[in-house]
C-alpha cells in the first residue's frame, strides 16, 4: 500500500495516490468508494480496512488514473455515456447506470449526482448532501484540466459548468481529484470565463507537446487548460 490515507471525519476518508486522490464515504448501511486510484490496485482492500460496511464503487469518469482498482469490483456505478469509453479501454465489471438527479443513499447519507460532460462524455460530480460538499472529479480544480485528445469537448464542458453554477447554493466547498483540496465554488465562475475565452479565441495559449501530441496550454492563473489546437474553439 503506497497511498496516504487521510481521515477527514468519522465516516469520510481521502486517499492520496500520487497525483490523484479518491474518496471513501460511509453511511450507516454501506460505504462508497468514489474512484479507485491510479497506482494502487487494491482500493477495495484499503476501504475494507477502514470500515466494516459493504463497499461499492462509483467512477466519476473512466480515465485510467481513476480506475486503477476497478477490477476488484464485479459491479460499479458509472454514467452510461462513459461506458463506451470505459469498455474501449478494456474496462471490466457490470455497469450500474447513474446520471443527474439520481441519489445513492448510504444510510442517512444521501449522495446526489450531477452530470458534468465535457472533460469526458460521462463525467459526473457527487454531492454529499448533508455535508454540503461537492466531489467534482477532474472538471473543477485549480490544476491542469485535460481537454485534448478524443472524447473531450470544450463547449459541453462550458455548458456543464454553467448548469452546475445554478446549483451552487447546494454546496459550500469542492473536493477535486487533483491539485488543491478544497476549492471554493467561486472557482466555477472562473472556469466558465476561461472556457468561454478559449471558445471565443481570445485566450492566449502556448504550444507544447504532450503524449506525442501538439497541444495548446492556457495558463489562466486559477487553472490550466490543456487543449487540442484543432478542437479548442469548436
C-alpha atoms as a PDB file:
ATOM      1  CA  UNK A   1       0.000   0.000   0.000  1.00  0.00           C
ATOM      2  CA  UNK A   2       1.738   3.189  -1.196  1.00  0.00           C
ATOM      3  CA  UNK A   3      -1.193   5.523  -0.672  1.00  0.00           C
ATOM      4  CA  UNK A   4      -1.584   8.134   2.024  1.00  0.00           C
ATOM      5  CA  UNK A   5      -4.874   7.683   3.883  1.00  0.00           C
ATOM      6  CA  UNK A   6      -6.283  10.842   5.446  1.00  0.00           C
ATOM      7  CA  UNK A   7      -9.257  10.587   7.771  1.00  0.00           C
ATOM      8  CA  UNK A   8     -11.464  13.638   7.269  1.00  0.00           C
ATOM      9  CA  UNK A   9     -14.035  12.678   9.907  1.00  0.00           C
ATOM     10  CA  UNK A  10     -15.559   9.547  11.446  1.00  0.00           C
ATOM     11  CA  UNK A  11     -17.118   8.402   8.164  1.00  0.00           C
ATOM     12  CA  UNK A  12     -15.067  10.072   5.418  1.00  0.00           C
ATOM     13  CA  UNK A  13     -11.571   9.403   4.111  1.00  0.00           C
ATOM     14  CA  UNK A  14      -9.482  10.685   1.250  1.00  0.00           C
ATOM     15  CA  UNK A  15      -6.766   8.532  -0.240  1.00  0.00           C
ATOM     16  CA  UNK A  16      -3.855  10.301  -1.924  1.00  0.00           C
ATOM     17  CA  UNK A  17      -2.429   8.132  -4.709  1.00  0.00           C
ATOM     18  CA  UNK A  18       0.398  10.063  -6.302  1.00  0.00           C
ATOM     19  CA  UNK A  19      -1.051  12.881  -8.402  1.00  0.00           C
ATOM     20  CA  UNK A  20      -4.663  11.803  -7.930  1.00  0.00           C
ATOM     21  CA  UNK A  21      -6.933  11.231  -4.959  1.00  0.00           C
ATOM     22  CA  UNK A  22     -10.043   9.211  -4.356  1.00  0.00           C
ATOM     23  CA  UNK A  23     -12.550   9.090  -1.517  1.00  0.00           C
ATOM     24  CA  UNK A  24     -14.349   6.683   0.796  1.00  0.00           C
ATOM     25  CA  UNK A  25     -17.704   7.778   2.208  1.00  0.00           C
ATOM     26  CA  UNK A  26     -19.626   5.699   4.749  1.00  0.00           C
ATOM     27  CA  UNK A  27     -23.219   5.883   5.914  1.00  0.00           C
ATOM     28  CA  UNK A  28     -24.977   3.678   8.447  1.00  0.00           C
ATOM     29  CA  UNK A  29     -25.642   0.840   5.985  1.00  0.00           C
ATOM     30  CA  UNK A  30     -22.891   0.835   3.369  1.00  0.00           C
ATOM     31  CA  UNK A  31     -19.823   2.644   2.069  1.00  0.00           C
ATOM     32  CA  UNK A  32     -18.899   4.018  -1.333  1.00  0.00           C
ATOM     33  CA  UNK A  33     -15.527   4.464  -2.975  1.00  0.00           C
ATOM     34  CA  UNK A  34     -15.549   7.424  -5.322  1.00  0.00           C
ATOM     35  CA  UNK A  35     -12.962   6.378  -7.927  1.00  0.00           C
ATOM     36  CA  UNK A  36     -10.380   3.661  -7.336  1.00  0.00           C
ATOM     37  CA  UNK A  37      -6.962   5.195  -7.763  1.00  0.00           C
ATOM     38  CA  UNK A  38      -4.130   5.184 -10.249  1.00  0.00           C
ATOM     39  CA  UNK A  39      -1.033   3.364  -8.999  1.00  0.00           C
ATOM     40  CA  UNK A  40      -2.890   1.375  -6.385  1.00  0.00           C
ATOM     41  CA  UNK A  41      -4.760  -1.743  -7.452  1.00  0.00           C
ATOM     42  CA  UNK A  42      -6.127  -2.659  -4.029  1.00  0.00           C
ATOM     43  CA  UNK A  43      -8.514   0.204  -3.268  1.00  0.00           C
ATOM     44  CA  UNK A  44     -11.208  -2.234  -2.162  1.00  0.00           C
ATOM     45  CA  UNK A  45      -8.831  -3.781   0.366  1.00  0.00           C
ATOM     46  CA  UNK A  46      -7.933  -0.317   1.624  1.00  0.00           C
ATOM     47  CA  UNK A  47     -11.612   0.580   2.015  1.00  0.00           C
ATOM     48  CA  UNK A  48     -12.410  -2.665   3.812  1.00  0.00           C
ATOM     49  CA  UNK A  49      -9.577  -1.970   6.251  1.00  0.00           C
ATOM     50  CA  UNK A  50     -11.270   1.313   7.161  1.00  0.00           C
ATOM     51  CA  UNK A  51     -14.909   0.206   7.507  1.00  0.00           C
ATOM     52  CA  UNK A  52     -16.852  -2.953   8.272  1.00  0.00           C
ATOM     53  CA  UNK A  53     -19.655  -1.879   5.938  1.00  0.00           C
ATOM     54  CA  UNK A  54     -20.079  -3.378   2.441  1.00  0.00           C
ATOM     55  CA  UNK A  55     -18.161  -1.271  -0.084  1.00  0.00           C
ATOM     56  CA  UNK A  56     -19.384  -0.252  -3.551  1.00  0.00           C
ATOM     57  CA  UNK A  57     -17.606   1.734  -6.267  1.00  0.00           C
ATOM     58  CA  UNK A  58     -18.588   4.799  -8.269  1.00  0.00           C
ATOM     59  CA  UNK A  59     -16.389   6.267 -11.001  1.00  0.00           C
ATOM     60  CA  UNK A  60     -16.573   9.994 -11.706  1.00  0.00           C
ATOM     61  CA  UNK A  61     -15.268   9.063 -15.176  1.00  0.00           C
ATOM     62  CA  UNK A  62     -13.135   6.398 -16.823  1.00  0.00           C
ATOM     63  CA  UNK A  63      -9.688   7.982 -17.224  1.00  0.00           C
ATOM     64  CA  UNK A  64      -7.030   5.485 -16.160  1.00  0.00           C
ATOM     65  CA  UNK A  65      -5.932   7.457 -13.105  1.00  0.00           C
ATOM     66  CA  UNK A  66      -9.421   6.956 -11.646  1.00  0.00           C
ATOM     67  CA  UNK A  67      -9.951   3.268 -12.370  1.00  0.00           C
ATOM     68  CA  UNK A  68      -6.796   1.569 -11.076  1.00  0.00           C
ATOM     69  CA  UNK A  69      -8.659  -0.863  -8.818  1.00  0.00           C
ATOM     70  CA  UNK A  70     -11.845  -1.318 -10.819  1.00  0.00           C
ATOM     71  CA  UNK A  71     -11.031  -4.973 -11.499  1.00  0.00           C
ATOM     72  CA  UNK A  72     -11.684  -5.670  -7.802  1.00  0.00           C
ATOM     73  CA  UNK A  73     -15.376  -4.875  -8.279  1.00  0.00           C
ATOM     74  CA  UNK A  74     -17.942  -7.017 -10.099  1.00  0.00           C
ATOM     75  CA  UNK A  75     -20.302  -4.028 -10.376  1.00  0.00           C
ATOM     76  CA  UNK A  76     -19.782  -0.280 -10.326  1.00  0.00           C
ATOM     77  CA  UNK A  77     -21.708   2.948 -10.756  1.00  0.00           C
ATOM     78  CA  UNK A  78     -20.919   4.952 -13.892  1.00  0.00           C
ATOM     79  CA  UNK A  79     -22.751   7.326 -16.216  1.00  0.00           C
ATOM     80  CA  UNK A  80     -23.974   5.394 -19.289  1.00  0.00           C
ATOM     81  CA  UNK A  81     -22.348   7.915 -21.655  1.00  0.00           C
ATOM     82  CA  UNK A  82     -18.994   6.944 -20.151  1.00  0.00           C
ATOM     83  CA  UNK A  83     -19.373   3.213 -20.670  1.00  0.00           C
ATOM     84  CA  UNK A  84     -18.276   3.104 -24.359  1.00  0.00           C
ATOM     85  CA  UNK A  85     -15.044   4.917 -23.448  1.00  0.00           C
ATOM     86  CA  UNK A  86     -14.523   2.626 -20.471  1.00  0.00           C
ATOM     87  CA  UNK A  87     -15.091  -0.548 -22.491  1.00  0.00           C
ATOM     88  CA  UNK A  88     -12.798   0.653 -25.280  1.00  0.00           C
ATOM     89  CA  UNK A  89     -10.021   0.790 -22.700  1.00  0.00           C
ATOM     90  CA  UNK A  90     -10.768  -2.763 -21.539  1.00  0.00           C
ATOM     91  CA  UNK A  91     -12.819  -1.743 -18.524  1.00  0.00           C
ATOM     92  CA  UNK A  92     -14.416  -4.641 -16.671  1.00  0.00           C
ATOM     93  CA  UNK A  93     -17.454  -5.136 -14.448  1.00  0.00           C
ATOM     94  CA  UNK A  94     -21.197  -4.660 -14.764  1.00  0.00           C
ATOM     95  CA  UNK A  95     -22.190  -1.004 -15.052  1.00  0.00           C
ATOM     96  CA  UNK A  96     -24.940   0.293 -12.793  1.00  0.00           C
ATOM     97  CA  UNK A  97     -26.033   3.408 -14.720  1.00  0.00           C
ATOM     98  CA  UNK A  98     -26.060   6.632 -12.756  1.00  0.00           C
ATOM     99  CA  UNK A  99     -26.992  10.085 -14.009  1.00  0.00           C
ATOM    100  CA  UNK A 100     -28.105  13.550 -12.944  1.00  0.00           C
ATOM    101  CA  UNK A 101     -30.846  13.562 -10.322  1.00  0.00           C
ATOM    102  CA  UNK A 102     -30.105  10.054  -9.062  1.00  0.00           C
ATOM    103  CA  UNK A 103     -29.455   9.677  -5.347  1.00  0.00           C
ATOM    104  CA  UNK A 104     -27.367   6.970  -3.711  1.00  0.00           C
ATOM    105  CA  UNK A 105     -28.298   6.628  -0.032  1.00  0.00           C
ATOM    106  CA  UNK A 106     -25.566   5.084   2.083  1.00  0.00           C
ATOM    107  CA  UNK A 107     -27.891   5.060   5.090  1.00  0.00           C
ATOM    108  CA  UNK A 108     -28.558   8.533   6.456  1.00  0.00           C
ATOM    109  CA  UNK A 109     -26.108   9.917   3.921  1.00  0.00           C
ATOM    110  CA  UNK A 110     -27.661  10.800   0.551  1.00  0.00           C
ATOM    111  CA  UNK A 111     -25.351  11.421  -2.391  1.00  0.00           C
ATOM    112  CA  UNK A 112     -26.808  13.319  -5.350  1.00  0.00           C
ATOM    113  CA  UNK A 113     -25.399  13.014  -8.878  1.00  0.00           C
ATOM    114  CA  UNK A 114     -24.696  15.930 -11.240  1.00  0.00           C
ATOM    115  CA  UNK A 115     -23.792  15.426 -14.901  1.00  0.00           C
ATOM    116  CA  UNK A 116     -20.596  17.234 -15.987  1.00  0.00           C
ATOM    117  CA  UNK A 117     -19.871  16.178 -19.589  1.00  0.00           C
ATOM    118  CA  UNK A 118     -17.010  17.800 -21.472  1.00  0.00           C
ATOM    119  CA  UNK A 119     -13.820  16.538 -19.890  1.00  0.00           C
ATOM    120  CA  UNK A 120     -15.244  13.137 -20.825  1.00  0.00           C
ATOM    121  CA  UNK A 121     -18.730  12.332 -22.192  1.00  0.00           C
ATOM    122  CA  UNK A 122     -19.967  10.846 -18.920  1.00  0.00           C
ATOM    123  CA  UNK A 123     -18.127  12.818 -16.262  1.00  0.00           C
ATOM    124  CA  UNK A 124     -20.170  13.297 -13.104  1.00  0.00           C
ATOM    125  CA  UNK A 125     -19.875  15.040  -9.749  1.00  0.00           C
ATOM    126  CA  UNK A 126     -21.204  13.738  -6.432  1.00  0.00           C
ATOM    127  CA  UNK A 127     -22.900  15.999  -3.886  1.00  0.00           C
ATOM    128  CA  UNK A 128     -22.634  14.843  -0.277  1.00  0.00           C
ATOM    129  CA  UNK A 129     -25.935  16.487   0.554  1.00  0.00           C
ATOM    130  CA  UNK A 130     -25.735  16.745   4.352  1.00  0.00           C
ATOM    131  CA  UNK A 131     -22.084  17.826   4.393  1.00  0.00           C
ATOM    132  CA  UNK A 132     -22.641  20.320   1.549  1.00  0.00           C
ATOM    133  CA  UNK A 133     -19.503  19.079  -0.210  1.00  0.00           C
ATOM    134  CA  UNK A 134     -19.239  18.506  -3.968  1.00  0.00           C
ATOM    135  CA  UNK A 135     -16.786  15.799  -5.076  1.00  0.00           C
ATOM    136  CA  UNK A 136     -16.011  17.013  -8.581  1.00  0.00           C
ATOM    137  CA  UNK A 137     -13.648  14.550 -10.263  1.00  0.00           C
ATOM    138  CA  UNK A 138     -11.484  16.380 -12.829  1.00  0.00           C
ATOM    139  CA  UNK A 139     -13.632  19.169 -14.342  1.00  0.00           C
ATOM    140  CA  UNK A 140     -13.449  21.553 -11.368  1.00  0.00           C
ATOM    141  CA  UNK A 141      -9.940  22.057  -9.982  1.00  0.00           C
ATOM    142  CA  UNK A 142      -7.170  24.646  -9.865  1.00  0.00           C
ATOM    143  CA  UNK A 143      -4.611  22.365 -11.549  1.00  0.00           C
ATOM    144  CA  UNK A 144      -4.336  21.055 -15.103  1.00  0.00           C
ATOM    145  CA  UNK A 145      -7.605  20.232 -16.854  1.00  0.00           C
ATOM    146  CA  UNK A 146      -7.086  17.852 -19.770  1.00  0.00           C
ATOM    147  CA  UNK A 147      -9.169  18.894 -22.768  1.00  0.00           C
ATOM    148  CA  UNK A 148      -7.139  17.405 -25.611  1.00  0.00           C
ATOM    149  CA  UNK A 149      -7.477  14.079 -27.385  1.00  0.00           C
ATOM    150  CA  UNK A 150     -10.580  12.072 -28.188  1.00  0.00           C
ATOM    151  CA  UNK A 151     -13.817  12.389 -26.221  1.00  0.00           C
ATOM    152  CA  UNK A 152     -13.073  15.885 -24.892  1.00  0.00           C
ATOM    153  CA  UNK A 153     -15.444  18.719 -25.749  1.00  0.00           C
ATOM    154  CA  UNK A 154     -14.879  22.288 -24.555  1.00  0.00           C
ATOM    155  CA  UNK A 155     -18.349  23.502 -25.498  1.00  0.00           C
ATOM    156  CA  UNK A 156     -20.003  20.719 -23.498  1.00  0.00           C
ATOM    157  CA  UNK A 157     -17.640  21.483 -20.631  1.00  0.00           C
ATOM    158  CA  UNK A 158     -18.645  25.144 -20.632  1.00  0.00           C
ATOM    159  CA  UNK A 159     -22.341  24.225 -20.651  1.00  0.00           C
ATOM    160  CA  UNK A 160     -21.799  21.802 -17.768  1.00  0.00           C
ATOM    161  CA  UNK A 161     -20.168  24.480 -15.658  1.00  0.00           C
ATOM    162  CA  UNK A 162     -22.997  26.918 -16.329  1.00  0.00           C
ATOM    163  CA  UNK A 163     -25.526  24.270 -15.358  1.00  0.00           C
ATOM    164  CA  UNK A 164     -23.659  23.442 -12.154  1.00  0.00           C
ATOM    165  CA  UNK A 165     -23.445  27.132 -11.280  1.00  0.00           C
ATOM    166  CA  UNK A 166     -27.224  27.154 -10.933  1.00  0.00           C
ATOM    167  CA  UNK A 167     -26.861  24.632  -8.079  1.00  0.00           C
ATOM    168  CA  UNK A 168     -24.074  26.383  -6.196  1.00  0.00           C
ATOM    169  CA  UNK A 169     -26.310  27.032  -3.193  1.00  0.00           C
ATOM    170  CA  UNK A 170     -26.229  23.268  -2.534  1.00  0.00           C
ATOM    171  CA  UNK A 171     -22.552  23.134  -1.556  1.00  0.00           C
ATOM    172  CA  UNK A 172     -20.003  25.168   0.398  1.00  0.00           C
ATOM    173  CA  UNK A 173     -16.797  23.617  -0.887  1.00  0.00           C
ATOM    174  CA  UNK A 174     -15.500  21.361  -3.652  1.00  0.00           C
ATOM    175  CA  UNK A 175     -13.159  18.364  -3.387  1.00  0.00           C
ATOM    176  CA  UNK A 176     -11.378  17.797  -6.710  1.00  0.00           C
ATOM    177  CA  UNK A 177      -9.457  14.673  -7.703  1.00  0.00           C
ATOM    178  CA  UNK A 178      -6.297  16.697  -8.376  1.00  0.00           C
ATOM    179  CA  UNK A 179      -4.401  19.699  -7.054  1.00  0.00           C
ATOM    180  CA  UNK A 180      -5.741  21.822  -4.162  1.00  0.00           C
ATOM    181  CA  UNK A 181      -8.384  20.477  -1.808  1.00  0.00           C
ATOM    182  CA  UNK A 182     -10.778  22.027  -1.004  1.00  0.00           C
ATOM    183  CA  UNK A 183     -11.572  24.748  -3.517  1.00  0.00           C
ATOM    184  CA  UNK A 184     -14.347  27.294  -3.306  1.00  0.00           C
ATOM    185  CA  UNK A 185     -17.470  27.284  -5.509  1.00  0.00           C
ATOM    186  CA  UNK A 186     -16.366  30.649  -6.936  1.00  0.00           C
ATOM    187  CA  UNK A 187     -13.816  28.694  -8.999  1.00  0.00           C
ATOM    188  CA  UNK A 188     -16.724  27.569 -11.199  1.00  0.00           C
ATOM    189  CA  UNK A 189     -17.210  31.164 -12.383  1.00  0.00           C
ATOM    190  CA  UNK A 190     -13.529  31.484 -13.251  1.00  0.00           C
ATOM    191  CA  UNK A 191     -13.591  28.210 -15.219  1.00  0.00           C
ATOM    192  CA  UNK A 192     -16.679  29.389 -17.117  1.00  0.00           C
ATOM    193  CA  UNK A 193     -14.887  32.615 -18.024  1.00  0.00           C
ATOM    194  CA  UNK A 194     -11.736  30.772 -19.091  1.00  0.00           C
ATOM    195  CA  UNK A 195     -13.512  28.167 -21.196  1.00  0.00           C
ATOM    196  CA  UNK A 196     -15.538  30.888 -22.904  1.00  0.00           C
ATOM    197  CA  UNK A 197     -12.354  32.813 -23.751  1.00  0.00           C
ATOM    198  CA  UNK A 198     -10.859  29.679 -25.307  1.00  0.00           C
ATOM    199  CA  UNK A 199     -14.025  29.027 -27.290  1.00  0.00           C
ATOM    200  CA  UNK A 200     -14.080  32.642 -28.475  1.00  0.00           C
ATOM    201  CA  UNK A 201     -10.411  32.524 -29.495  1.00  0.00           C
ATOM    202  CA  UNK A 202      -9.498  35.407 -27.193  1.00  0.00           C
ATOM    203  CA  UNK A 203      -7.374  33.421 -24.725  1.00  0.00           C
ATOM    204  CA  UNK A 204      -3.639  33.206 -25.369  1.00  0.00           C
ATOM    205  CA  UNK A 205      -2.182  29.701 -25.353  1.00  0.00           C
ATOM    206  CA  UNK A 206       1.355  28.378 -25.755  1.00  0.00           C
ATOM    207  CA  UNK A 207       2.118  25.387 -27.944  1.00  0.00           C
ATOM    208  CA  UNK A 208       3.680  22.376 -26.230  1.00  0.00           C
ATOM    209  CA  UNK A 209       3.954  18.651 -26.825  1.00  0.00           C
ATOM    210  CA  UNK A 210       2.407  16.027 -24.558  1.00  0.00           C
ATOM    211  CA  UNK A 211       1.855  12.320 -25.139  1.00  0.00           C
ATOM    212  CA  UNK A 212       3.187  12.731 -28.665  1.00  0.00           C
ATOM    213  CA  UNK A 213       0.591  15.385 -29.485  1.00  0.00           C
ATOM    214  CA  UNK A 214       0.888  19.108 -30.016  1.00  0.00           C
ATOM    215  CA  UNK A 215      -1.368  20.899 -27.573  1.00  0.00           C
ATOM    216  CA  UNK A 216      -2.207  24.453 -26.578  1.00  0.00           C
ATOM    217  CA  UNK A 217      -1.646  25.283 -22.902  1.00  0.00           C
ATOM    218  CA  UNK A 218      -3.764  28.057 -21.433  1.00  0.00           C
ATOM    219  CA  UNK A 219      -2.459  29.094 -18.020  1.00  0.00           C
ATOM    220  CA  UNK A 220      -5.265  31.172 -16.573  1.00  0.00           C
ATOM    221  CA  UNK A 221      -3.711  31.641 -13.127  1.00  0.00           C
ATOM    222  CA  UNK A 222      -6.573  29.877 -11.348  1.00  0.00           C
ATOM    223  CA  UNK A 223      -6.242  26.716 -13.502  1.00  0.00           C
ATOM    224  CA  UNK A 224      -4.527  25.495 -16.674  1.00  0.00           C
ATOM    225  CA  UNK A 225      -6.391  24.114 -19.682  1.00  0.00           C
ATOM    226  CA  UNK A 226      -4.567  21.646 -21.917  1.00  0.00           C
ATOM    227  CA  UNK A 227      -6.327  21.730 -25.288  1.00  0.00           C
ATOM    228  CA  UNK A 228      -6.192  20.209 -28.735  1.00  0.00           C
ATOM    229  CA  UNK A 229      -5.459  23.125 -31.112  1.00  0.00           C
ATOM    230  CA  UNK A 230      -7.907  21.702 -33.647  1.00  0.00           C
ATOM    231  CA  UNK A 231     -10.753  21.493 -31.139  1.00  0.00           C
ATOM    232  CA  UNK A 232     -10.186  24.358 -28.720  1.00  0.00           C
ATOM    233  CA  UNK A 233     -12.586  26.706 -30.487  1.00  0.00           C
ATOM    234  CA  UNK A 234     -15.147  24.127 -31.650  1.00  0.00           C
END
